[in-house]
PDB file of N, CA and C in Angstrom:
ATOM      1  N   MET A   1    -105.748-109.586  50.529  1.00  0.00           N
ATOM      2  CA  MET A   1    -105.975-110.844  50.735  1.00  0.00           C
ATOM      3  C   MET A   1    -107.228-111.555  51.355  1.00  0.00           C
ATOM      4  N   SER A   2    -108.364-112.042  50.503  1.00  0.00           N
ATOM      5  CA  SER A   2    -109.642-112.597  51.247  1.00  0.00           C
ATOM      6  C   SER A   2    -109.253-114.276  51.454  1.00  0.00           C
ATOM      7  N   PHE A   3    -109.970-114.336  52.301  1.00  0.00           N
ATOM      8  CA  PHE A   3    -109.996-116.022  53.085  1.00  0.00           C
ATOM      9  C   PHE A   3    -111.237-116.556  52.256  1.00  0.00           C
ATOM     10  N   PRO A   4    -111.311-117.848  51.645  1.00  0.00           N
ATOM     11  CA  PRO A   4    -112.405-118.345  51.541  1.00  0.00           C
ATOM     12  C   PRO A   4    -113.673-118.849  52.536  1.00  0.00           C
ATOM     13  N   GLU A   5    -114.982-118.311  52.321  1.00  0.00           N
ATOM     14  CA  GLU A   5    -115.782-119.088  53.090  1.00  0.00           C
ATOM     15  C   GLU A   5    -115.945-120.416  53.089  1.00  0.00           C
ATOM     16  N   PRO A   6    -116.507-120.873  54.048  1.00  0.00           N
ATOM     17  CA  PRO A   6    -116.463-122.506  53.689  1.00  0.00           C
ATOM     18  C   PRO A   6    -117.472-122.586  52.602  1.00  0.00           C
ATOM     19  N   ASN A   7    -118.627-121.986  52.467  1.00  0.00           N
ATOM     20  CA  ASN A   7    -119.448-122.495  51.463  1.00  0.00           C
ATOM     21  C   ASN A   7    -119.137-122.082  50.119  1.00  0.00           C
ATOM     22  N   ASP A   8    -117.545-121.498  49.689  1.00  0.00           N
ATOM     23  CA  ASP A   8    -116.885-121.193  48.621  1.00  0.00           C
ATOM     24  C   ASP A   8    -115.824-122.346  48.230  1.00  0.00           C
ATOM     25  N   LEU A   9    -115.728-123.247  49.212  1.00  0.00           N
ATOM     26  CA  LEU A   9    -115.008-124.375  49.009  1.00  0.00           C
ATOM     27  C   LEU A   9    -115.359-125.403  48.094  1.00  0.00           C
ATOM     28  N   PRO A  10    -114.678-125.955  47.198  1.00  0.00           N
ATOM     29  CA  PRO A  10    -115.134-126.976  46.201  1.00  0.00           C
ATOM     30  C   PRO A  10    -115.490-127.988  47.132  1.00  0.00           C
ATOM     31  N   GLN A  11    -116.705-128.920  46.999  1.00  0.00           N
ATOM     32  CA  GLN A  11    -117.542-129.892  47.141  1.00  0.00           C
ATOM     33  C   GLN A  11    -116.852-131.229  46.714  1.00  0.00           C
ATOM     34  N   ASP A  12    -116.229-132.067  47.386  1.00  0.00           N
ATOM     35  CA  ASP A  12    -115.805-133.434  47.450  1.00  0.00           C
ATOM     36  C   ASP A  12    -116.439-134.289  46.595  1.00  0.00           C
ATOM     37  N   HIS A  13    -116.629-134.594  45.357  1.00  0.00           N
ATOM     38  CA  HIS A  13    -117.856-135.096  44.976  1.00  0.00           C
ATOM     39  C   HIS A  13    -117.201-136.442  44.165  1.00  0.00           C
ATOM     40  N   ASN A  14    -116.183-137.005  45.131  1.00  0.00           N
ATOM     41  CA  ASN A  14    -115.314-138.188  44.448  1.00  0.00           C
ATOM     42  C   ASN A  14    -116.496-139.452  44.363  1.00  0.00           C
ATOM     43  N   PRO A  15    -116.466-140.180  43.045  1.00  0.00           N
ATOM     44  CA  PRO A  15    -117.530-141.157  43.116  1.00  0.00           C
ATOM     45  C   PRO A  15    -116.710-142.361  44.103  1.00  0.00           C
ATOM     46  N   ASN A  16    -115.749-142.525  44.196  1.00  0.00           N
ATOM     47  CA  ASN A  16    -114.869-143.732  45.030  1.00  0.00           C
ATOM     48  C   ASN A  16    -115.197-143.281  46.780  1.00  0.00           C
ATOM     49  N   HIS A  17    -115.274-142.259  46.831  1.00  0.00           N
ATOM     50  CA  HIS A  17    -115.514-141.710  48.134  1.00  0.00           C
ATOM     51  C   HIS A  17    -116.920-142.275  48.716  1.00  0.00           C
ATOM     52  N   GLU A  18    -117.638-141.521  47.669  1.00  0.00           N
ATOM     53  CA  GLU A  18    -119.372-142.073  47.991  1.00  0.00           C
ATOM     54  C   GLU A  18    -119.724-143.460  48.039  1.00  0.00           C
ATOM     55  N   GLN A  19    -118.988-144.273  46.932  1.00  0.00           N
ATOM     56  CA  GLN A  19    -119.089-145.464  46.978  1.00  0.00           C
ATOM     57  C   GLN A  19    -118.746-145.945  48.305  1.00  0.00           C
ATOM     58  N   ALA A  20    -117.337-145.659  48.876  1.00  0.00           N
ATOM     59  CA  ALA A  20    -116.977-146.041  50.114  1.00  0.00           C
ATOM     60  C   ALA A  20    -117.805-146.131  50.931  1.00  0.00           C
ATOM     61  N   ALA A  21    -118.540-144.721  51.332  1.00  0.00           N
ATOM     62  CA  ALA A  21    -119.149-144.177  52.168  1.00  0.00           C
ATOM     63  C   ALA A  21    -120.436-145.739  52.125  1.00  0.00           C
ATOM     64  N   GLN A  22    -121.124-145.673  51.045  1.00  0.00           N
ATOM     65  CA  GLN A  22    -122.054-146.626  50.740  1.00  0.00           C
ATOM     66  C   GLN A  22    -121.986-147.870  51.448  1.00  0.00           C
ATOM     67  N   LYS A  23    -120.485-148.152  51.067  1.00  0.00           N
ATOM     68  CA  LYS A  23    -120.353-149.693  51.524  1.00  0.00           C
ATOM     69  C   LYS A  23    -119.897-149.784  52.815  1.00  0.00           C
ATOM     70  N   GLU A  24    -119.766-148.774  53.588  1.00  0.00           N
ATOM     71  CA  GLU A  24    -119.841-148.630  55.013  1.00  0.00           C
ATOM     72  C   GLU A  24    -121.036-148.646  55.714  1.00  0.00           C
ATOM     73  N   GLN A  25    -121.941-148.020  55.205  1.00  0.00           N
ATOM     74  CA  GLN A  25    -123.144-147.807  55.503  1.00  0.00           C
ATOM     75  C   GLN A  25    -124.048-149.261  55.785  1.00  0.00           C
ATOM     76  N   ILE A  26    -123.568-150.048  54.431  1.00  0.00           N
ATOM     77  CA  ILE A  26    -124.127-151.440  54.187  1.00  0.00           C
ATOM     78  C   ILE A  26    -123.883-152.046  55.345  1.00  0.00           C
ATOM     79  N   LEU A  27    -122.510-152.444  55.569  1.00  0.00           N
ATOM     80  CA  LEU A  27    -121.775-152.848  56.545  1.00  0.00           C
ATOM     81  C   LEU A  27    -122.291-152.724  57.871  1.00  0.00           C
ATOM     82  N   LYS A  28    -122.530-151.734  57.913  1.00  0.00           N
ATOM     83  CA  LYS A  28    -123.112-151.555  59.603  1.00  0.00           C
ATOM     84  C   LYS A  28    -124.449-152.281  59.832  1.00  0.00           C
ATOM     85  N   GLN A  29    -125.023-152.272  58.886  1.00  0.00           N
ATOM     86  CA  GLN A  29    -126.320-152.885  58.998  1.00  0.00           C
ATOM     87  C   GLN A  29    -126.265-154.423  58.817  1.00  0.00           C
ATOM     88  N   ILE A  30    -125.287-154.790  58.178  1.00  0.00           N
ATOM     89  CA  ILE A  30    -125.563-156.619  58.138  1.00  0.00           C
ATOM     90  C   ILE A  30    -124.437-157.015  59.126  1.00  0.00           C
ATOM     91  N   LEU A  31    -123.452-156.117  59.988  1.00  0.00           N
ATOM     92  CA  LEU A  31    -122.738-156.613  60.672  1.00  0.00           C
ATOM     93  C   LEU A  31    -122.830-156.081  62.033  1.00  0.00           C
ATOM     94  N   THR A  32    -122.579-156.823  63.142  1.00  0.00           N
ATOM     95  CA  THR A  32    -122.525-156.844  64.510  1.00  0.00           C
ATOM     96  C   THR A  32    -121.405-156.021  65.027  1.00  0.00           C
ATOM     97  N   PRO A  33    -121.352-155.004  65.641  1.00  0.00           N
ATOM     98  CA  PRO A  33    -120.069-154.169  66.028  1.00  0.00           C
ATOM     99  C   PRO A  33    -118.489-155.024  66.347  1.00  0.00           C
ATOM    100  N   GLU A  34    -118.737-156.076  66.893  1.00  0.00           N
ATOM    101  CA  GLU A  34    -118.044-157.133  67.027  1.00  0.00           C
ATOM    102  C   GLU A  34    -117.085-157.653  65.777  1.00  0.00           C
ATOM    103  N   ALA A  35    -118.323-158.093  64.590  1.00  0.00           N
ATOM    104  CA  ALA A  35    -117.608-158.589  63.672  1.00  0.00           C
ATOM    105  C   ALA A  35    -117.143-157.288  62.926  1.00  0.00           C
ATOM    106  N   ARG A  36    -117.768-156.238  62.727  1.00  0.00           N
ATOM    107  CA  ARG A  36    -117.236-154.858  62.146  1.00  0.00           C
ATOM    108  C   ARG A  36    -115.744-155.024  62.681  1.00  0.00           C
ATOM    109  N   MET A  37    -115.570-154.995  64.009  1.00  0.00           N
ATOM    110  CA  MET A  37    -114.361-154.421  64.255  1.00  0.00           C
ATOM    111  C   MET A  37    -113.372-155.607  63.891  1.00  0.00           C
ATOM    112  N   ARG A  38    -113.414-156.963  63.986  1.00  0.00           N
ATOM    113  CA  ARG A  38    -113.019-158.061  63.465  1.00  0.00           C
ATOM    114  C   ARG A  38    -112.453-157.753  61.744  1.00  0.00           C
ATOM    115  N   LEU A  39    -113.438-157.398  61.141  1.00  0.00           N
ATOM    116  CA  LEU A  39    -113.411-157.185  59.843  1.00  0.00           C
ATOM    117  C   LEU A  39    -112.178-155.735  59.593  1.00  0.00           C
ATOM    118  N   ASN A  40    -112.548-154.780  60.201  1.00  0.00           N
ATOM    119  CA  ASN A  40    -111.363-153.696  60.555  1.00  0.00           C
ATOM    120  C   ASN A  40    -109.790-154.304  60.716  1.00  0.00           C
ATOM    121  N   ASN A  41    -109.907-154.879  61.457  1.00  0.00           N
ATOM    122  CA  ASN A  41    -108.804-155.718  61.926  1.00  0.00           C
ATOM    123  C   ASN A  41    -108.020-156.197  61.124  1.00  0.00           C
ATOM    124  N   ILE A  42    -108.870-157.213  60.159  1.00  0.00           N
ATOM    125  CA  ILE A  42    -108.280-158.104  59.098  1.00  0.00           C
ATOM    126  C   ILE A  42    -108.182-157.191  57.716  1.00  0.00           C
ATOM    127  N   LYS A  43    -108.509-156.066  57.379  1.00  0.00           N
ATOM    128  CA  LYS A  43    -108.515-155.236  56.289  1.00  0.00           C
ATOM    129  C   LYS A  43    -106.780-154.409  56.729  1.00  0.00           C
ATOM    130  N   MET A  44    -106.651-154.356  57.795  1.00  0.00           N
ATOM    131  CA  MET A  44    -105.151-153.847  58.303  1.00  0.00           C
ATOM    132  C   MET A  44    -103.750-154.613  57.905  1.00  0.00           C
ATOM    133  N   VAL A  45    -104.299-155.845  57.887  1.00  0.00           N
ATOM    134  CA  VAL A  45    -103.523-156.947  57.661  1.00  0.00           C
ATOM    135  C   VAL A  45    -103.274-157.754  56.316  1.00  0.00           C
ATOM    136  N   LYS A  46    -104.836-158.288  55.863  1.00  0.00           N
ATOM    137  CA  LYS A  46    -104.710-158.612  54.849  1.00  0.00           C
ATOM    138  C   LYS A  46    -106.091-157.574  53.659  1.00  0.00           C
ATOM    139  N   PRO A  47    -105.286-156.610  53.394  1.00  0.00           N
ATOM    140  CA  PRO A  47    -106.765-155.880  52.506  1.00  0.00           C
ATOM    141  C   PRO A  47    -107.753-156.717  51.470  1.00  0.00           C
ATOM    142  N   GLU A  48    -106.667-157.538  50.479  1.00  0.00           N
ATOM    143  CA  GLU A  48    -107.398-158.280  49.720  1.00  0.00           C
ATOM    144  C   GLU A  48    -108.343-159.164  49.927  1.00  0.00           C
ATOM    145  N   LEU A  49    -108.281-159.901  51.163  1.00  0.00           N
ATOM    146  CA  LEU A  49    -109.059-161.030  52.281  1.00  0.00           C
ATOM    147  C   LEU A  49    -110.290-160.102  52.561  1.00  0.00           C
ATOM    148  N   SER A  50    -110.018-158.995  53.130  1.00  0.00           N
ATOM    149  CA  SER A  50    -111.217-157.861  53.846  1.00  0.00           C
ATOM    150  C   SER A  50    -112.009-157.542  52.313  1.00  0.00           C
ATOM    151  N   ASP A  51    -111.653-157.241  51.395  1.00  0.00           N
ATOM    152  CA  ASP A  51    -112.163-156.528  50.138  1.00  0.00           C
ATOM    153  C   ASP A  51    -112.971-157.868  49.713  1.00  0.00           C
ATOM    154  N   LEU A  52    -112.585-158.945  49.628  1.00  0.00           N
ATOM    155  CA  LEU A  52    -113.197-160.375  49.296  1.00  0.00           C
ATOM    156  C   LEU A  52    -114.492-160.506  50.105  1.00  0.00           C
ATOM    157  N   VAL A  53    -114.484-160.564  51.228  1.00  0.00           N
ATOM    158  CA  VAL A  53    -115.330-160.855  52.282  1.00  0.00           C
ATOM    159  C   VAL A  53    -116.639-159.608  52.073  1.00  0.00           C
ATOM    160  N   GLU A  54    -115.936-158.251  52.043  1.00  0.00           N
ATOM    161  CA  GLU A  54    -116.977-157.207  51.898  1.00  0.00           C
ATOM    162  C   GLU A  54    -117.827-157.313  50.650  1.00  0.00           C
ATOM    163  N   GLN A  55    -117.285-157.581  49.734  1.00  0.00           N
ATOM    164  CA  GLN A  55    -117.909-157.818  48.426  1.00  0.00           C
ATOM    165  C   GLN A  55    -119.118-158.990  48.411  1.00  0.00           C
ATOM    166  N   TYR A  56    -118.487-160.216  49.173  1.00  0.00           N
ATOM    167  CA  TYR A  56    -119.332-161.290  49.377  1.00  0.00           C
ATOM    168  C   TYR A  56    -120.636-160.658  50.098  1.00  0.00           C
ATOM    169  N   LEU A  57    -120.387-160.016  51.722  1.00  0.00           N
ATOM    170  CA  LEU A  57    -121.467-159.692  52.083  1.00  0.00           C
ATOM    171  C   LEU A  57    -122.376-158.520  51.743  1.00  0.00           C
ATOM    172  N   ILE A  58    -121.815-157.653  50.685  1.00  0.00           N
ATOM    173  CA  ILE A  58    -122.869-157.020  50.225  1.00  0.00           C
ATOM    174  C   ILE A  58    -123.588-157.651  49.271  1.00  0.00           C
ATOM    175  N   GLY A  59    -123.064-158.388  48.473  1.00  0.00           N
ATOM    176  CA  GLY A  59    -123.712-159.362  47.503  1.00  0.00           C
ATOM    177  C   GLY A  59    -124.976-160.100  47.963  1.00  0.00           C
ATOM    178  N   MET A  60    -124.319-160.936  49.128  1.00  0.00           N
ATOM    179  CA  MET A  60    -125.429-161.571  50.000  1.00  0.00           C
ATOM    180  C   MET A  60    -126.824-160.400  50.265  1.00  0.00           C
ATOM    181  N   ALA A  61    -126.412-159.472  50.831  1.00  0.00           N
ATOM    182  CA  ALA A  61    -127.234-158.541  51.485  1.00  0.00           C
ATOM    183  C   ALA A  61    -128.298-157.799  50.225  1.00  0.00           C
ATOM    184  N   THR A  62    -127.492-157.788  49.046  1.00  0.00           N
ATOM    185  CA  THR A  62    -128.082-156.786  48.105  1.00  0.00           C
ATOM    186  C   THR A  62    -129.383-158.116  47.816  1.00  0.00           C
ATOM    187  N   GLN A  63    -129.004-159.297  47.441  1.00  0.00           N
ATOM    188  CA  GLN A  63    -129.820-160.179  47.206  1.00  0.00           C
ATOM    189  C   GLN A  63    -131.024-160.665  47.959  1.00  0.00           C
ATOM    190  N   GLY A  64    -130.971-160.168  49.282  1.00  0.00           N
ATOM    191  CA  GLY A  64    -131.914-160.439  50.341  1.00  0.00           C
ATOM    192  C   GLY A  64    -131.602-161.858  50.838  1.00  0.00           C
ATOM    193  N   LYS A  65    -130.581-162.278  50.921  1.00  0.00           N
ATOM    194  CA  LYS A  65    -130.271-163.811  51.293  1.00  0.00           C
ATOM    195  C   LYS A  65    -129.131-163.543  52.802  1.00  0.00           C
ATOM    196  N   MET A  66    -129.548-162.444  53.140  1.00  0.00           N
ATOM    197  CA  MET A  66    -128.821-162.254  54.592  1.00  0.00           C
ATOM    198  C   MET A  66    -130.186-162.411  55.697  1.00  0.00           C
ATOM    199  N   PRO A  67    -130.055-163.224  56.650  1.00  0.00           N
ATOM    200  CA  PRO A  67    -131.102-163.641  57.463  1.00  0.00           C
ATOM    201  C   PRO A  67    -131.167-162.766  58.697  1.00  0.00           C
ATOM    202  N   GLY A  68    -130.095-161.826  58.853  1.00  0.00           N
ATOM    203  CA  GLY A  68    -129.993-160.892  59.911  1.00  0.00           C
ATOM    204  C   GLY A  68    -128.747-160.594  59.930  1.00  0.00           C
ATOM    205  N   GLN A  69    -128.411-159.809  61.182  1.00  0.00           N
ATOM    206  CA  GLN A  69    -127.029-159.372  61.077  1.00  0.00           C
ATOM    207  C   GLN A  69    -126.187-160.608  61.490  1.00  0.00           C
ATOM    208  N   ILE A  70    -125.063-160.200  60.895  1.00  0.00           N
ATOM    209  CA  ILE A  70    -123.865-161.437  60.996  1.00  0.00           C
ATOM    210  C   ILE A  70    -122.928-161.074  62.153  1.00  0.00           C
ATOM    211  N   ASN A  71    -122.725-162.265  63.089  1.00  0.00           N
ATOM    212  CA  ASN A  71    -122.272-161.859  64.265  1.00  0.00           C
ATOM    213  C   ASN A  71    -120.717-162.160  63.946  1.00  0.00           C
ATOM    214  N   ASP A  72    -119.776-161.931  65.296  1.00  0.00           N
ATOM    215  CA  ASP A  72    -118.460-162.274  65.093  1.00  0.00           C
ATOM    216  C   ASP A  72    -118.108-163.981  64.868  1.00  0.00           C
ATOM    217  N   ASP A  73    -118.771-164.919  65.638  1.00  0.00           N
ATOM    218  CA  ASP A  73    -118.929-166.355  64.918  1.00  0.00           C
ATOM    219  C   ASP A  73    -118.992-166.799  63.688  1.00  0.00           C
ATOM    220  N   GLN A  74    -120.146-166.100  62.897  1.00  0.00           N
ATOM    221  CA  GLN A  74    -120.570-166.111  61.620  1.00  0.00           C
ATOM    222  C   GLN A  74    -119.249-165.750  60.664  1.00  0.00           C
ATOM    223  N   LEU A  75    -118.952-164.575  61.090  1.00  0.00           N
ATOM    224  CA  LEU A  75    -118.029-163.746  60.270  1.00  0.00           C
ATOM    225  C   LEU A  75    -116.690-165.025  60.338  1.00  0.00           C
ATOM    226  N   LYS A  76    -116.337-165.493  61.194  1.00  0.00           N
ATOM    227  CA  LYS A  76    -115.232-166.224  61.567  1.00  0.00           C
ATOM    228  C   LYS A  76    -115.454-167.595  60.425  1.00  0.00           C
ATOM    229  N   GLN A  77    -116.543-167.896  60.368  1.00  0.00           N
ATOM    230  CA  GLN A  77    -116.874-169.150  59.369  1.00  0.00           C
ATOM    231  C   GLN A  77    -116.658-168.801  57.876  1.00  0.00           C
ATOM    232  N   ILE A  78    -116.929-167.382  57.775  1.00  0.00           N
ATOM    233  CA  ILE A  78    -116.805-166.959  56.346  1.00  0.00           C
ATOM    234  C   ILE A  78    -115.456-166.660  56.137  1.00  0.00           C
ATOM    235  N   LEU A  79    -114.638-166.299  56.891  1.00  0.00           N
ATOM    236  CA  LEU A  79    -113.279-165.885  56.484  1.00  0.00           C
ATOM    237  C   LEU A  79    -112.768-167.487  56.484  1.00  0.00           C
ATOM    238  N   LEU A  80    -113.057-168.397  57.129  1.00  0.00           N
ATOM    239  CA  LEU A  80    -112.459-169.449  57.124  1.00  0.00           C
ATOM    240  C   LEU A  80    -112.721-170.160  55.831  1.00  0.00           C
ATOM    241  N   SER A  81    -114.140-169.967  55.389  1.00  0.00           N
ATOM    242  CA  SER A  81    -114.115-170.647  53.825  1.00  0.00           C
ATOM    243  C   SER A  81    -113.759-169.902  52.854  1.00  0.00           C
ATOM    244  N   THR A  82    -113.458-168.481  52.682  1.00  0.00           N
ATOM    245  CA  THR A  82    -112.717-167.953  51.947  1.00  0.00           C
ATOM    246  C   THR A  82    -111.191-168.030  51.663  1.00  0.00           C
ATOM    247  N   GLN A  83    -110.658-168.408  52.799  1.00  0.00           N
ATOM    248  CA  GLN A  83    -109.032-168.415  52.513  1.00  0.00           C
ATOM    249  C   GLN A  83    -108.765-169.828  52.239  1.00  0.00           C
ATOM    250  N   GLN A  84    -107.570-169.693  51.624  1.00  0.00           N
ATOM    251  CA  GLN A  84    -107.068-170.876  50.521  1.00  0.00           C
ATOM    252  C   GLN A  84    -106.591-171.633  51.824  1.00  0.00           C
ATOM    253  N   PRO A  85    -106.824-172.716  51.570  1.00  0.00           N
ATOM    254  CA  PRO A  85    -106.330-174.121  52.319  1.00  0.00           C
ATOM    255  C   PRO A  85    -104.621-174.058  52.498  1.00  0.00           C
ATOM    256  N   LYS A  86    -104.273-174.240  53.521  1.00  0.00           N
ATOM    257  CA  LYS A  86    -102.522-173.922  53.666  1.00  0.00           C
ATOM    258  C   LYS A  86    -102.436-175.344  53.369  1.00  0.00           C
ATOM    259  N   ARG A  87    -100.984-175.625  53.007  1.00  0.00           N
ATOM    260  CA  ARG A  87    -100.292-177.014  52.702  1.00  0.00           C
ATOM    261  C   ARG A  87     -99.100-177.237  53.506  1.00  0.00           C
ATOM    262  N   ASP A  88     -99.645-178.522  54.134  1.00  0.00           N
ATOM    263  CA  ASP A  88     -98.821-178.895  54.994  1.00  0.00           C
ATOM    264  C   ASP A  88     -97.569-180.021  54.450  1.00  0.00           C
ATOM    265  N   PHE A  89     -96.457-179.843  54.922  1.00  0.00           N
ATOM    266  CA  PHE A  89     -95.504-180.604  54.250  1.00  0.00           C
ATOM    267  C   PHE A  89     -94.826-181.251  55.237  1.00  0.00           C
ATOM    268  N   LYS A  90     -94.309-182.659  55.067  1.00  0.00           N
ATOM    269  CA  LYS A  90     -94.387-183.685  56.161  1.00  0.00           C
ATOM    270  C   LYS A  90     -92.672-184.036  55.545  1.00  0.00           C
ATOM    271  N   ILE A  91     -91.760-184.078  56.431  1.00  0.00           N
ATOM    272  CA  ILE A  91     -90.381-184.531  55.757  1.00  0.00           C
ATOM    273  C   ILE A  91     -90.399-185.866  56.759  1.00  0.00           C
ATOM    274  N   ASN A  92     -90.063-187.314  56.056  1.00  0.00           N
ATOM    275  CA  ASN A  92     -89.669-188.312  56.857  1.00  0.00           C
ATOM    276  C   ASN A  92     -88.103-188.238  56.649  1.00  0.00           C
ATOM    277  N   ARG A  93     -87.466-188.725  57.696  1.00  0.00           N
ATOM    278  CA  ARG A  93     -85.730-188.845  57.575  1.00  0.00           C
ATOM    279  C   ARG A  93     -85.857-190.571  57.642  1.00  0.00           C
ATOM    280  N   VAL A  94     -84.674-190.629  56.895  1.00  0.00           N
ATOM    281  CA  VAL A  94     -84.695-192.038  56.661  1.00  0.00           C
ATOM    282  C   VAL A  94     -83.176-192.146  57.609  1.00  0.00           C
TER     283      VAL A  94
END
């Protein structure tokens, strides 16, 4: 029985893996470490919101509309603008 050499193992050329790596690279360039940490925390709780914000940020960066790196406060503003407004219900007792 022979063991495969590390060079003999099939290479993982999954397009989704490569696309995710490119997305992470772009996000590293346009977000400060604090903002990236916040986005990763949001990804654990609300993955759909995180994906929406990531697509928005990458779109802005590819169009050249990004003035520089986005810090944590700017990311908070983007998150607030993308979330659906909450409805308040007021019950009046008679």
